[in-house]
Amino acid sequence: MNDRQRINEVLGLLMLQNNLLIQAGEACCTSCATHECTRDGLASGCEGYAYYHMQDAEAFDEQGTLRDVIHIGFGSLLNKEVGDDDVLIGHLVADRMRAAGFEVEWNGTYRERIGVRPRQ
């Protein structure tokens, strides 16, 4: 399994086990991904979302190997106010990426997307 497949598998498990809407390389940018995840997630009754967009997907080579850091956006759909619920989703994503063997760079706040580095 290559890095892209592994990241997508982790995101897929988050969708199934934690009622998150997931987007993997579908939207063009952070603004569009956040808008689409919020709109579609609310319509589907999801509790939150996680995504990487097309520009992020450029971190993968043709074989799906992660060559550079990829950034995963996230958020909660439980509360209109940004805050603790968002951070909980972020910790969930970061913890699952670490468990899958990826190095994670994140400041632990909703203000920064989660950086995922190639597996060692």
PDB file of N, CA and C in Angstrom:
ATOM      1  N   MET A   1       0.851  -1.170   0.000  1.00  0.00           N
ATOM      2  CA  MET A   1       0.000   0.000   0.000  1.00  0.00           C
ATOM      3  C   MET A   1       0.903   1.241   0.000  1.00  0.00           C
ATOM      4  N   ASN A   2       0.652   2.169  -0.915  1.00  0.00           N
ATOM      5  CA  ASN A   2       1.473   3.385  -0.956  1.00  0.00           C
ATOM      6  C   ASN A   2       0.945   4.434   0.034  1.00  0.00           C
ATOM      7  N   ASP A   3       1.683   5.527   0.151  1.00  0.00           N
ATOM      8  CA  ASP A   3       1.326   6.567   1.137  1.00  0.00           C
ATOM      9  C   ASP A   3      -0.048   7.170   0.873  1.00  0.00           C
ATOM     10  N   ARG A   4      -0.351   7.419  -0.384  1.00  0.00           N
ATOM     11  CA  ARG A   4      -1.654   8.016  -0.701  1.00  0.00           C
ATOM     12  C   ARG A   4      -2.780   7.081  -0.285  1.00  0.00           C
ATOM     13  N   GLN A   5      -2.636   5.808  -0.606  1.00  0.00           N
ATOM     14  CA  GLN A   5      -3.651   4.831  -0.223  1.00  0.00           C
ATOM     15  C   GLN A   5      -3.768   4.741   1.300  1.00  0.00           C
ATOM     16  N   ARG A   6      -2.636   4.781   1.983  1.00  0.00           N
ATOM     17  CA  ARG A   6      -2.651   4.674   3.445  1.00  0.00           C
ATOM     18  C   ARG A   6      -3.333   5.885   4.075  1.00  0.00           C
ATOM     19  N   ILE A   7      -3.003   7.092   3.606  1.00  0.00           N
ATOM     20  CA  ILE A   7      -3.658   8.304   4.128  1.00  0.00           C
ATOM     21  C   ILE A   7      -5.156   8.251   3.848  1.00  0.00           C
ATOM     22  N   ASN A   8      -5.527   7.848   2.641  1.00  0.00           N
ATOM     23  CA  ASN A   8      -6.943   7.755   2.299  1.00  0.00           C
ATOM     24  C   ASN A   8      -7.643   6.689   3.140  1.00  0.00           C
ATOM     25  N   GLU A   9      -6.941   5.597   3.451  1.00  0.00           N
ATOM     26  CA  GLU A   9      -7.517   4.572   4.304  1.00  0.00           C
ATOM     27  C   GLU A   9      -7.767   5.115   5.719  1.00  0.00           C
ATOM     28  N   VAL A  10      -6.795   5.847   6.259  1.00  0.00           N
ATOM     29  CA  VAL A  10      -6.964   6.451   7.587  1.00  0.00           C
ATOM     30  C   VAL A  10      -8.155   7.400   7.575  1.00  0.00           C
ATOM     31  N   LEU A  11      -8.249   8.242   6.550  1.00  0.00           N
ATOM     32  CA  LEU A  11      -9.376   9.167   6.453  1.00  0.00           C
ATOM     33  C   LEU A  11     -10.691   8.408   6.313  1.00  0.00           C
ATOM     34  N   GLY A  12     -10.689   7.332   5.545  1.00  0.00           N
ATOM     35  CA  GLY A  12     -11.897   6.523   5.389  1.00  0.00           C
ATOM     36  C   GLY A  12     -12.361   5.908   6.706  1.00  0.00           C
ATOM     37  N   LEU A  13     -11.413   5.449   7.512  1.00  0.00           N
ATOM     38  CA  LEU A  13     -11.767   4.907   8.821  1.00  0.00           C
ATOM     39  C   LEU A  13     -12.336   5.990   9.731  1.00  0.00           C
ATOM     40  N   LEU A  14     -11.786   7.198   9.637  1.00  0.00           N
ATOM     41  CA  LEU A  14     -12.341   8.317  10.404  1.00  0.00           C
ATOM     42  C   LEU A  14     -13.787   8.584   9.995  1.00  0.00           C
ATOM     43  N   MET A  15     -14.063   8.463   8.705  1.00  0.00           N
ATOM     44  CA  MET A  15     -15.422   8.672   8.214  1.00  0.00           C
ATOM     45  C   MET A  15     -16.355   7.620   8.802  1.00  0.00           C
ATOM     46  N   LEU A  16     -15.947   6.374   8.747  1.00  0.00           N
ATOM     47  CA  LEU A  16     -16.804   5.285   9.211  1.00  0.00           C
ATOM     48  C   LEU A  16     -16.962   5.237  10.724  1.00  0.00           C
ATOM     49  N   GLN A  17     -15.859   5.446  11.439  1.00  0.00           N
ATOM     50  CA  GLN A  17     -15.866   5.269  12.887  1.00  0.00           C
ATOM     51  C   GLN A  17     -16.237   6.528  13.661  1.00  0.00           C
ATOM     52  N   ASN A  18     -16.103   7.700  13.040  1.00  0.00           N
ATOM     53  CA  ASN A  18     -16.298   8.952  13.770  1.00  0.00           C
ATOM     54  C   ASN A  18     -17.275   9.910  13.107  1.00  0.00           C
ATOM     55  N   ASN A  19     -18.028   9.438  12.109  1.00  0.00           N
ATOM     56  CA  ASN A  19     -19.043  10.257  11.452  1.00  0.00           C
ATOM     57  C   ASN A  19     -18.476  11.568  10.906  1.00  0.00           C
ATOM     58  N   LEU A  20     -17.318  11.458  10.219  1.00  0.00           N
ATOM     59  CA  LEU A  20     -16.720  12.634   9.590  1.00  0.00           C
ATOM     60  C   LEU A  20     -16.923  12.578   8.088  1.00  0.00           C
ATOM     61  N   LEU A  21     -17.145  13.742   7.472  1.00  0.00           N
ATOM     62  CA  LEU A  21     -17.145  13.850   6.025  1.00  0.00           C
ATOM     63  C   LEU A  21     -15.688  13.959   5.587  1.00  0.00           C
ATOM     64  N   ILE A  22     -15.298  13.217   4.562  1.00  0.00           N
ATOM     65  CA  ILE A  22     -13.913  13.202   4.102  1.00  0.00           C
ATOM     66  C   ILE A  22     -13.859  13.624   2.646  1.00  0.00           C
ATOM     67  N   GLN A  23     -12.896  14.473   2.312  1.00  0.00           N
ATOM     68  CA  GLN A  23     -12.597  14.836   0.933  1.00  0.00           C
ATOM     69  C   GLN A  23     -11.119  14.586   0.701  1.00  0.00           C
ATOM     70  N   ALA A  24     -10.794  13.841  -0.328  1.00  0.00           N
ATOM     71  CA  ALA A  24      -9.400  13.522  -0.625  1.00  0.00           C
ATOM     72  C   ALA A  24      -9.045  14.012  -2.028  1.00  0.00           C
ATOM     73  N   GLY A  25      -8.484  15.215  -2.099  1.00  0.00           N
ATOM     74  CA  GLY A  25      -8.013  15.758  -3.363  1.00  0.00           C
ATOM     75  C   GLY A  25      -9.085  16.199  -4.325  1.00  0.00           C
ATOM     76  N   GLU A  26     -10.274  16.490  -3.824  1.00  0.00           N
ATOM     77  CA  GLU A  26     -11.378  16.860  -4.706  1.00  0.00           C
ATOM     78  C   GLU A  26     -11.479  18.362  -4.959  1.00  0.00           C
ATOM     79  N   ALA A  27     -11.390  19.163  -3.930  1.00  0.00           N
ATOM     80  CA  ALA A  27     -11.533  20.621  -4.073  1.00  0.00           C
ATOM     81  C   ALA A  27     -10.205  21.237  -4.521  1.00  0.00           C
ATOM     82  N   CYS A  28     -10.287  22.439  -5.068  1.00  0.00           N
ATOM     83  CA  CYS A  28      -9.088  23.079  -5.606  1.00  0.00           C
ATOM     84  C   CYS A  28      -8.221  23.748  -4.538  1.00  0.00           C
ATOM     85  N   CYS A  29      -8.822  24.180  -3.436  1.00  0.00           N
ATOM     86  CA  CYS A  29      -8.075  24.956  -2.449  1.00  0.00           C
ATOM     87  C   CYS A  29      -8.732  24.836  -1.066  1.00  0.00           C
ATOM     88  N   THR A  30      -8.097  25.429  -0.075  1.00  0.00           N
ATOM     89  CA  THR A  30      -8.604  25.370   1.299  1.00  0.00           C
ATOM     90  C   THR A  30      -9.993  25.985   1.426  1.00  0.00           C
ATOM     91  N   SER A  31     -10.202  27.151   0.824  1.00  0.00           N
ATOM     92  CA  SER A  31     -11.510  27.818   0.929  1.00  0.00           C
ATOM     93  C   SER A  31     -12.627  26.964   0.358  1.00  0.00           C
ATOM     94  N   CYS A  32     -12.399  26.417  -0.830  1.00  0.00           N
ATOM     95  CA  CYS A  32     -13.430  25.588  -1.462  1.00  0.00           C
ATOM     96  C   CYS A  32     -13.647  24.295  -0.685  1.00  0.00           C
ATOM     97  N   ALA A  33     -12.564  23.658  -0.223  1.00  0.00           N
ATOM     98  CA  ALA A  33     -12.696  22.412   0.534  1.00  0.00           C
ATOM     99  C   ALA A  33     -13.485  22.640   1.820  1.00  0.00           C
ATOM    100  N   THR A  34     -13.164  23.702   2.542  1.00  0.00           N
ATOM    101  CA  THR A  34     -13.870  24.000   3.788  1.00  0.00           C
ATOM    102  C   THR A  34     -15.348  24.272   3.517  1.00  0.00           C
ATOM    103  N   HIS A  35     -15.627  25.054   2.488  1.00  0.00           N
ATOM    104  CA  HIS A  35     -17.019  25.361   2.123  1.00  0.00           C
ATOM    105  C   HIS A  35     -17.779  24.079   1.755  1.00  0.00           C
ATOM    106  N   GLU A  36     -17.185  23.256   0.880  1.00  0.00           N
ATOM    107  CA  GLU A  36     -17.854  22.040   0.429  1.00  0.00           C
ATOM    108  C   GLU A  36     -18.054  21.046   1.578  1.00  0.00           C
ATOM    109  N   CYS A  37     -17.038  20.896   2.417  1.00  0.00           N
ATOM    110  CA  CYS A  37     -17.158  19.970   3.557  1.00  0.00           C
ATOM    111  C   CYS A  37     -18.233  20.433   4.532  1.00  0.00           C
ATOM    112  N   THR A  38     -18.293  21.728   4.778  1.00  0.00           N
ATOM    113  CA  THR A  38     -19.312  22.265   5.688  1.00  0.00           C
ATOM    114  C   THR A  38     -20.702  22.055   5.101  1.00  0.00           C
ATOM    115  N   ARG A  39     -20.876  22.432   3.848  1.00  0.00           N
ATOM    116  CA  ARG A  39     -22.184  22.288   3.189  1.00  0.00           C
ATOM    117  C   ARG A  39     -22.620  20.824   3.138  1.00  0.00           C
ATOM    118  N   ASP A  40     -21.749  19.953   2.629  1.00  0.00           N
ATOM    119  CA  ASP A  40     -22.111  18.548   2.448  1.00  0.00           C
ATOM    120  C   ASP A  40     -22.200  17.810   3.782  1.00  0.00           C
ATOM    121  N   GLY A  41     -21.327  18.168   4.703  1.00  0.00           N
ATOM    122  CA  GLY A  41     -21.341  17.528   6.014  1.00  0.00           C
ATOM    123  C   GLY A  41     -22.601  17.839   6.794  1.00  0.00           C
ATOM    124  N   LEU A  42     -23.016  19.091   6.770  1.00  0.00           N
ATOM    125  CA  LEU A  42     -24.254  19.474   7.462  1.00  0.00           C
ATOM    126  C   LEU A  42     -25.457  18.783   6.829  1.00  0.00           C
ATOM    127  N   ALA A  43     -25.468  18.710   5.496  1.00  0.00           N
ATOM    128  CA  ALA A  43     -26.581  18.056   4.801  1.00  0.00           C
ATOM    129  C   ALA A  43     -26.631  16.560   5.100  1.00  0.00           C
ATOM    130  N   SER A  44     -25.490  15.960   5.405  1.00  0.00           N
ATOM    131  CA  SER A  44     -25.411  14.522   5.673  1.00  0.00           C
ATOM    132  C   SER A  44     -25.495  14.173   7.153  1.00  0.00           C
ATOM    133  N   GLY A  45     -25.547  15.185   8.008  1.00  0.00           N
ATOM    134  CA  GLY A  45     -25.612  14.941   9.444  1.00  0.00           C
ATOM    135  C   GLY A  45     -24.287  14.516  10.055  1.00  0.00           C
ATOM    136  N   CYS A  46     -23.175  14.868   9.412  1.00  0.00           N
ATOM    137  CA  CYS A  46     -21.851  14.518   9.934  1.00  0.00           C
ATOM    138  C   CYS A  46     -21.493  15.423  11.111  1.00  0.00           C
ATOM    139  N   GLU A  47     -20.616  14.924  11.969  1.00  0.00           N
ATOM    140  CA  GLU A  47     -20.172  15.685  13.137  1.00  0.00           C
ATOM    141  C   GLU A  47     -18.979  16.586  12.835  1.00  0.00           C
ATOM    142  N   GLY A  48     -18.265  16.295  11.770  1.00  0.00           N
ATOM    143  CA  GLY A  48     -17.091  17.084  11.420  1.00  0.00           C
ATOM    144  C   GLY A  48     -16.580  16.666  10.060  1.00  0.00           C
ATOM    145  N   TYR A  49     -15.392  17.166   9.711  1.00  0.00           N
ATOM    146  CA  TYR A  49     -14.816  16.860   8.403  1.00  0.00           C
ATOM    147  C   TYR A  49     -13.294  16.894   8.475  1.00  0.00           C
ATOM    148  N   ALA A  50     -12.700  16.262   7.468  1.00  0.00           N
ATOM    149  CA  ALA A  50     -11.257  16.332   7.258  1.00  0.00           C
ATOM    150  C   ALA A  50     -11.024  16.254   5.752  1.00  0.00           C
ATOM    151  N   TYR A  51      -9.993  16.926   5.272  1.00  0.00           N
ATOM    152  CA  TYR A  51      -9.749  16.967   3.824  1.00  0.00           C
ATOM    153  C   TYR A  51      -8.291  17.288   3.523  1.00  0.00           C
ATOM    154  N   TYR A  52      -7.895  16.938   2.319  1.00  0.00           N
ATOM    155  CA  TYR A  52      -6.760  17.565   1.646  1.00  0.00           C
ATOM    156  C   TYR A  52      -7.256  17.909   0.254  1.00  0.00           C
ATOM    157  N   HIS A  53      -6.741  18.986  -0.324  1.00  0.00           N
ATOM    158  CA  HIS A  53      -7.248  19.439  -1.615  1.00  0.00           C
ATOM    159  C   HIS A  53      -6.261  19.140  -2.741  1.00  0.00           C
ATOM    160  N   MET A  54      -6.630  19.515  -3.960  1.00  0.00           N
ATOM    161  CA  MET A  54      -5.821  19.210  -5.146  1.00  0.00           C
ATOM    162  C   MET A  54      -4.387  19.729  -5.038  1.00  0.00           C
ATOM    163  N   GLN A  55      -4.228  20.930  -4.527  1.00  0.00           N
ATOM    164  CA  GLN A  55      -2.880  21.483  -4.391  1.00  0.00           C
ATOM    165  C   GLN A  55      -2.060  20.661  -3.398  1.00  0.00           C
ATOM    166  N   ASP A  56      -2.698  20.192  -2.326  1.00  0.00           N
ATOM    167  CA  ASP A  56      -2.014  19.331  -1.356  1.00  0.00           C
ATOM    168  C   ASP A  56      -1.600  18.014  -2.002  1.00  0.00           C
ATOM    169  N   ALA A  57      -2.457  17.482  -2.860  1.00  0.00           N
ATOM    170  CA  ALA A  57      -2.209  16.185  -3.483  1.00  0.00           C
ATOM    171  C   ALA A  57      -0.953  16.196  -4.354  1.00  0.00           C
ATOM    172  N   GLU A  58      -0.454  17.359  -4.695  1.00  0.00           N
ATOM    173  CA  GLU A  58       0.792  17.454  -5.468  1.00  0.00           C
ATOM    174  C   GLU A  58       1.996  16.954  -4.665  1.00  0.00           C
ATOM    175  N   ALA A  59       1.831  16.736  -3.362  1.00  0.00           N
ATOM    176  CA  ALA A  59       2.905  16.192  -2.530  1.00  0.00           C
ATOM    177  C   ALA A  59       3.147  14.710  -2.828  1.00  0.00           C
ATOM    178  N   PHE A  60       2.212  14.050  -3.521  1.00  0.00           N
ATOM    179  CA  PHE A  60       2.381  12.646  -3.906  1.00  0.00           C
ATOM    180  C   PHE A  60       3.019  12.561  -5.286  1.00  0.00           C
ATOM    181  N   ASP A  61       3.914  11.593  -5.488  1.00  0.00           N
ATOM    182  CA  ASP A  61       4.422  11.361  -6.834  1.00  0.00           C
ATOM    183  C   ASP A  61       3.449  10.441  -7.578  1.00  0.00           C
ATOM    184  N   GLU A  62       3.802  10.061  -8.798  1.00  0.00           N
ATOM    185  CA  GLU A  62       2.904   9.253  -9.638  1.00  0.00           C
ATOM    186  C   GLU A  62       2.598   7.891  -9.021  1.00  0.00           C
ATOM    187  N   GLN A  63       3.506   7.372  -8.202  1.00  0.00           N
ATOM    188  CA  GLN A  63       3.301   6.078  -7.565  1.00  0.00           C
ATOM    189  C   GLN A  63       2.537   6.190  -6.231  1.00  0.00           C
ATOM    190  N   GLY A  64       2.174   7.401  -5.841  1.00  0.00           N
ATOM    191  CA  GLY A  64       1.442   7.604  -4.600  1.00  0.00           C
ATOM    192  C   GLY A  64       2.332   7.726  -3.378  1.00  0.00           C
ATOM    193  N   THR A  65       3.635   7.886  -3.593  1.00  0.00           N
ATOM    194  CA  THR A  65       4.567   8.067  -2.485  1.00  0.00           C
ATOM    195  C   THR A  65       4.547   9.528  -2.058  1.00  0.00           C
ATOM    196  N   LEU A  66       4.443   9.763  -0.786  1.00  0.00           N
ATOM    197  CA  LEU A  66       4.452  11.121  -0.255  1.00  0.00           C
ATOM    198  C   LEU A  66       5.880  11.641  -0.287  1.00  0.00           C
ATOM    199  N   ARG A  67       6.130  12.688  -1.051  1.00  0.00           N
ATOM    200  CA  ARG A  67       7.466  13.255  -1.216  1.00  0.00           C
ATOM    201  C   ARG A  67       7.683  14.517  -0.391  1.00  0.00           C
ATOM    202  N   ASP A  68       6.609  15.105   0.067  1.00  0.00           N
ATOM    203  CA  ASP A  68       6.676  16.349   0.826  1.00  0.00           C
ATOM    204  C   ASP A  68       5.513  16.336   1.812  1.00  0.00           C
ATOM    205  N   VAL A  69       5.476  17.326   2.667  1.00  0.00           N
ATOM    206  CA  VAL A  69       4.392  17.399   3.648  1.00  0.00           C
ATOM    207  C   VAL A  69       3.059  17.645   2.934  1.00  0.00           C
ATOM    208  N   ILE A  70       2.030  16.960   3.411  1.00  0.00           N
ATOM    209  CA  ILE A  70       0.668  17.212   2.927  1.00  0.00           C
ATOM    210  C   ILE A  70      -0.110  17.766   4.119  1.00  0.00           C
ATOM    211  N   HIS A  71      -0.972  18.713   3.863  1.00  0.00           N
ATOM    212  CA  HIS A  71      -1.719  19.363   4.941  1.00  0.00           C
ATOM    213  C   HIS A  71      -3.166  18.887   4.941  1.00  0.00           C
ATOM    214  N   ILE A  72      -3.634  18.500   6.110  1.00  0.00           N
ATOM    215  CA  ILE A  72      -4.998  18.012   6.273  1.00  0.00           C
ATOM    216  C   ILE A  72      -5.799  19.058   7.045  1.00  0.00           C
ATOM    217  N   GLY A  73      -6.827  19.561   6.399  1.00  0.00           N
ATOM    218  CA  GLY A  73      -7.733  20.485   7.063  1.00  0.00           C
ATOM    219  C   GLY A  73      -8.790  19.707   7.826  1.00  0.00           C
ATOM    220  N   PHE A  74      -9.423  20.339   8.769  1.00  0.00           N
ATOM    221  CA  PHE A  74     -10.398  19.652   9.618  1.00  0.00           C
ATOM    222  C   PHE A  74     -11.317  20.677  10.268  1.00  0.00           C
ATOM    223  N   GLY A  75     -12.412  20.195  10.800  1.00  0.00           N
ATOM    224  CA  GLY A  75     -13.308  21.071  11.546  1.00  0.00           C
ATOM    225  C   GLY A  75     -14.487  20.302  12.089  1.00  0.00           C
ATOM    226  N   SER A  76     -15.147  20.902  13.027  1.00  0.00           N
ATOM    227  CA  SER A  76     -16.346  20.330  13.631  1.00  0.00           C
ATOM    228  C   SER A  76     -17.579  20.974  12.998  1.00  0.00           C
ATOM    229  N   LEU A  77     -18.643  20.203  12.926  1.00  0.00           N
ATOM    230  CA  LEU A  77     -19.925  20.724  12.442  1.00  0.00           C
ATOM    231  C   LEU A  77     -20.962  20.745  13.561  1.00  0.00           C
ATOM    232  N   LEU A  78     -20.501  20.541  14.786  1.00  0.00           N
ATOM    233  CA  LEU A  78     -21.406  20.482  15.931  1.00  0.00           C
ATOM    234  C   LEU A  78     -21.750  21.851  16.493  1.00  0.00           C
ATOM    235  N   ASN A  79     -20.916  22.831  16.227  1.00  0.00           N
ATOM    236  CA  ASN A  79     -21.071  24.140  16.842  1.00  0.00           C
ATOM    237  C   ASN A  79     -20.673  25.198  15.824  1.00  0.00           C
ATOM    238  N   LYS A  80     -21.433  26.265  15.731  1.00  0.00           N
ATOM    239  CA  LYS A  80     -21.093  27.334  14.783  1.00  0.00           C
ATOM    240  C   LYS A  80     -19.862  28.124  15.205  1.00  0.00           C
ATOM    241  N   GLU A  81     -19.573  28.113  16.490  1.00  0.00           N
ATOM    242  CA  GLU A  81     -18.397  28.814  17.000  1.00  0.00           C
ATOM    243  C   GLU A  81     -17.161  27.935  16.836  1.00  0.00           C
ATOM    244  N   VAL A  82     -16.095  28.508  16.304  1.00  0.00           N
ATOM    245  CA  VAL A  82     -14.841  27.779  16.157  1.00  0.00           C
ATOM    246  C   VAL A  82     -14.210  27.637  17.531  1.00  0.00           C
ATOM    247  N   GLY A  83     -13.686  26.441  17.831  1.00  0.00           N
ATOM    248  CA  GLY A  83     -13.062  26.270  19.137  1.00  0.00           C
ATOM    249  C   GLY A  83     -12.759  24.838  19.484  1.00  0.00           C
ATOM    250  N   ASP A  84     -13.154  24.449  20.704  1.00  0.00           N
ATOM    251  CA  ASP A  84     -12.767  23.152  21.266  1.00  0.00           C
ATOM    252  C   ASP A  84     -13.210  21.956  20.424  1.00  0.00           C
ATOM    253  N   ASP A  85     -14.404  21.994  19.863  1.00  0.00           N
ATOM    254  CA  ASP A  85     -14.873  20.870  19.045  1.00  0.00           C
ATOM    255  C   ASP A  85     -13.970  20.667  17.830  1.00  0.00           C
ATOM    256  N   ASP A  86     -13.528  21.771  17.238  1.00  0.00           N
ATOM    257  CA  ASP A  86     -12.623  21.693  16.092  1.00  0.00           C
ATOM    258  C   ASP A  86     -11.291  21.062  16.502  1.00  0.00           C
ATOM    259  N   VAL A  87     -10.773  21.485  17.633  1.00  0.00           N
ATOM    260  CA  VAL A  87      -9.487  20.972  18.116  1.00  0.00           C
ATOM    261  C   VAL A  87      -9.590  19.472  18.401  1.00  0.00           C
ATOM    262  N   LEU A  88     -10.722  19.019  18.917  1.00  0.00           N
ATOM    263  CA  LEU A  88     -10.906  17.581  19.161  1.00  0.00           C
ATOM    264  C   LEU A  88     -10.832  16.786  17.859  1.00  0.00           C
ATOM    265  N   ILE A  89     -11.439  17.308  16.798  1.00  0.00           N
ATOM    266  CA  ILE A  89     -11.364  16.653  15.493  1.00  0.00           C
ATOM    267  C   ILE A  89      -9.903  16.627  15.035  1.00  0.00           C
ATOM    268  N   GLY A  90      -9.205  17.748  15.195  1.00  0.00           N
ATOM    269  CA  GLY A  90      -7.793  17.813  14.813  1.00  0.00           C
ATOM    270  C   GLY A  90      -6.955  16.776  15.536  1.00  0.00           C
ATOM    271  N   HIS A  91      -7.162  16.626  16.838  1.00  0.00           N
ATOM    272  CA  HIS A  91      -6.409  15.626  17.601  1.00  0.00           C
ATOM    273  C   HIS A  91      -6.730  14.215  17.125  1.00  0.00           C
ATOM    274  N   LEU A  92      -7.975  13.968  16.803  1.00  0.00           N
ATOM    275  CA  LEU A  92      -8.376  12.665  16.297  1.00  0.00           C
ATOM    276  C   LEU A  92      -7.631  12.343  15.000  1.00  0.00           C
ATOM    277  N   VAL A  93      -7.620  13.297  14.064  1.00  0.00           N
ATOM    278  CA  VAL A  93      -6.926  13.104  12.783  1.00  0.00           C
ATOM    279  C   VAL A  93      -5.427  12.918  13.019  1.00  0.00           C
ATOM    280  N   ALA A  94      -4.821  13.796  13.799  1.00  0.00           N
ATOM    281  CA  ALA A  94      -3.378  13.726  14.050  1.00  0.00           C
ATOM    282  C   ALA A  94      -2.996  12.399  14.703  1.00  0.00           C
ATOM    283  N   ASP A  95      -3.760  11.966  15.689  1.00  0.00           N
ATOM    284  CA  ASP A  95      -3.472  10.706  16.382  1.00  0.00           C
ATOM    285  C   ASP A  95      -3.552   9.520  15.429  1.00  0.00           C
ATOM    286  N   ARG A  96      -4.553   9.512  14.573  1.00  0.00           N
ATOM    287  CA  ARG A  96      -4.708   8.397  13.625  1.00  0.00           C
ATOM    288  C   ARG A  96      -3.583   8.387  12.592  1.00  0.00           C
ATOM    289  N   MET A  97      -3.133   9.564  12.168  1.00  0.00           N
ATOM    290  CA  MET A  97      -2.017   9.617  11.214  1.00  0.00           C
ATOM    291  C   MET A  97      -0.724   9.116  11.865  1.00  0.00           C
ATOM    292  N   ARG A  98      -0.508   9.499  13.111  1.00  0.00           N
ATOM    293  CA  ARG A  98       0.675   8.993  13.837  1.00  0.00           C
ATOM    294  C   ARG A  98       0.610   7.473  13.977  1.00  0.00           C
ATOM    295  N   ALA A  99      -0.561   6.964  14.319  1.00  0.00           N
ATOM    296  CA  ALA A  99      -0.731   5.517  14.491  1.00  0.00           C
ATOM    297  C   ALA A  99      -0.467   4.766  13.182  1.00  0.00           C
ATOM    298  N   ALA A 100      -0.671   5.430  12.062  1.00  0.00           N
ATOM    299  CA  ALA A 100      -0.415   4.827  10.750  1.00  0.00           C
ATOM    300  C   ALA A 100       1.052   4.942  10.343  1.00  0.00           C
ATOM    301  N   GLY A 101       1.861   5.555  11.205  1.00  0.00           N
ATOM    302  CA  GLY A 101       3.296   5.631  10.943  1.00  0.00           C
ATOM    303  C   GLY A 101       3.786   6.921  10.324  1.00  0.00           C
ATOM    304  N   PHE A 102       2.913   7.900  10.190  1.00  0.00           N
ATOM    305  CA  PHE A 102       3.319   9.179   9.618  1.00  0.00           C
ATOM    306  C   PHE A 102       3.806  10.123  10.711  1.00  0.00           C
ATOM    307  N   GLU A 103       4.741  10.987  10.361  1.00  0.00           N
ATOM    308  CA  GLU A 103       5.176  12.055  11.261  1.00  0.00           C
ATOM    309  C   GLU A 103       4.188  13.208  11.109  1.00  0.00           C
ATOM    310  N   VAL A 104       3.745  13.754  12.224  1.00  0.00           N
ATOM    311  CA  VAL A 104       2.742  14.821  12.203  1.00  0.00           C
ATOM    312  C   VAL A 104       3.327  16.096  12.782  1.00  0.00           C
ATOM    313  N   GLU A 105       3.085  17.200  12.093  1.00  0.00           N
ATOM    314  CA  GLU A 105       3.462  18.531  12.575  1.00  0.00           C
ATOM    315  C   GLU A 105       2.187  19.350  12.702  1.00  0.00           C
ATOM    316  N   TRP A 106       1.888  19.748  13.930  1.00  0.00           N
ATOM    317  CA  TRP A 106       0.669  20.521  14.159  1.00  0.00           C
ATOM    318  C   TRP A 106       0.798  21.229  15.492  1.00  0.00           C
ATOM    319  N   ASN A 107       0.318  22.470  15.555  1.00  0.00           N
ATOM    320  CA  ASN A 107       0.432  23.244  16.796  1.00  0.00           C
ATOM    321  C   ASN A 107      -0.723  23.005  17.771  1.00  0.00           C
ATOM    322  N   GLY A 108      -1.636  22.109  17.423  1.00  0.00           N
ATOM    323  CA  GLY A 108      -2.717  21.752  18.338  1.00  0.00           C
ATOM    324  C   GLY A 108      -3.867  22.741  18.386  1.00  0.00           C
ATOM    325  N   THR A 109      -3.958  23.631  17.409  1.00  0.00           N
ATOM    326  CA  THR A 109      -5.053  24.610  17.383  1.00  0.00           C
ATOM    327  C   THR A 109      -5.853  24.477  16.094  1.00  0.00           C
ATOM    328  N   TYR A 110      -7.014  25.107  16.066  1.00  0.00           N
ATOM    329  CA  TYR A 110      -7.838  25.106  14.864  1.00  0.00           C
ATOM    330  C   TYR A 110      -7.295  26.068  13.803  1.00  0.00           C
ATOM    331  N   ARG A 111      -6.321  26.858  14.145  1.00  0.00           N
ATOM    332  CA  ARG A 111      -5.789  27.869  13.217  1.00  0.00           C
ATOM    333  C   ARG A 111      -4.789  27.305  12.213  1.00  0.00           C
ATOM    334  N   GLU A 112      -4.374  26.071  12.419  1.00  0.00           N
ATOM    335  CA  GLU A 112      -3.356  25.480  11.542  1.00  0.00           C
ATOM    336  C   GLU A 112      -3.811  24.100  11.089  1.00  0.00           C
ATOM    337  N   ARG A 113      -3.648  23.839   9.776  1.00  0.00           N
ATOM    338  CA  ARG A 113      -3.930  22.497   9.267  1.00  0.00           C
ATOM    339  C   ARG A 113      -2.835  21.543   9.750  1.00  0.00           C
ATOM    340  N   ILE A 114      -3.137  20.289   9.735  1.00  0.00           N
ATOM    341  CA  ILE A 114      -2.211  19.259  10.222  1.00  0.00           C
ATOM    342  C   ILE A 114      -1.243  18.888   9.110  1.00  0.00           C
ATOM    343  N   GLY A 115       0.033  19.027   9.369  1.00  0.00           N
ATOM    344  CA  GLY A 115       1.062  18.615   8.413  1.00  0.00           C
ATOM    345  C   GLY A 115       1.409  17.155   8.611  1.00  0.00           C
ATOM    346  N   VAL A 116       1.341  16.384   7.541  1.00  0.00           N
ATOM    347  CA  VAL A 116       1.674  14.959   7.587  1.00  0.00           C
ATOM    348  C   VAL A 116       2.882  14.744   6.692  1.00  0.00           C
ATOM    349  N   ARG A 117       3.945  14.218   7.292  1.00  0.00           N
ATOM    350  CA  ARG A 117       5.191  13.945   6.572  1.00  0.00           C
ATOM    351  C   ARG A 117       5.273  12.473   6.183  1.00  0.00           C
ATOM    352  N   PRO A 118       6.120  12.152   5.223  1.00  0.00           N
ATOM    353  CA  PRO A 118       6.263  10.750   4.801  1.00  0.00           C
ATOM    354  C   PRO A 118       6.625   9.826   5.961  1.00  0.00           C
ATOM    355  N   ARG A 119       6.181   8.572   5.843  1.00  0.00           N
ATOM    356  CA  ARG A 119       6.515   7.551   6.830  1.00  0.00           C
ATOM    357  C   ARG A 119       8.000   7.251   6.746  1.00  0.00           C
ATOM    358  N   GLN A 120       8.568   6.927   7.878  1.00  0.00           N
ATOM    359  CA  GLN A 120      10.005   6.582   7.928  1.00  0.00           C
ATOM    360  C   GLN A 120      10.210   5.105   7.716  1.00  0.00           C
TER     361      GLN A 120
END
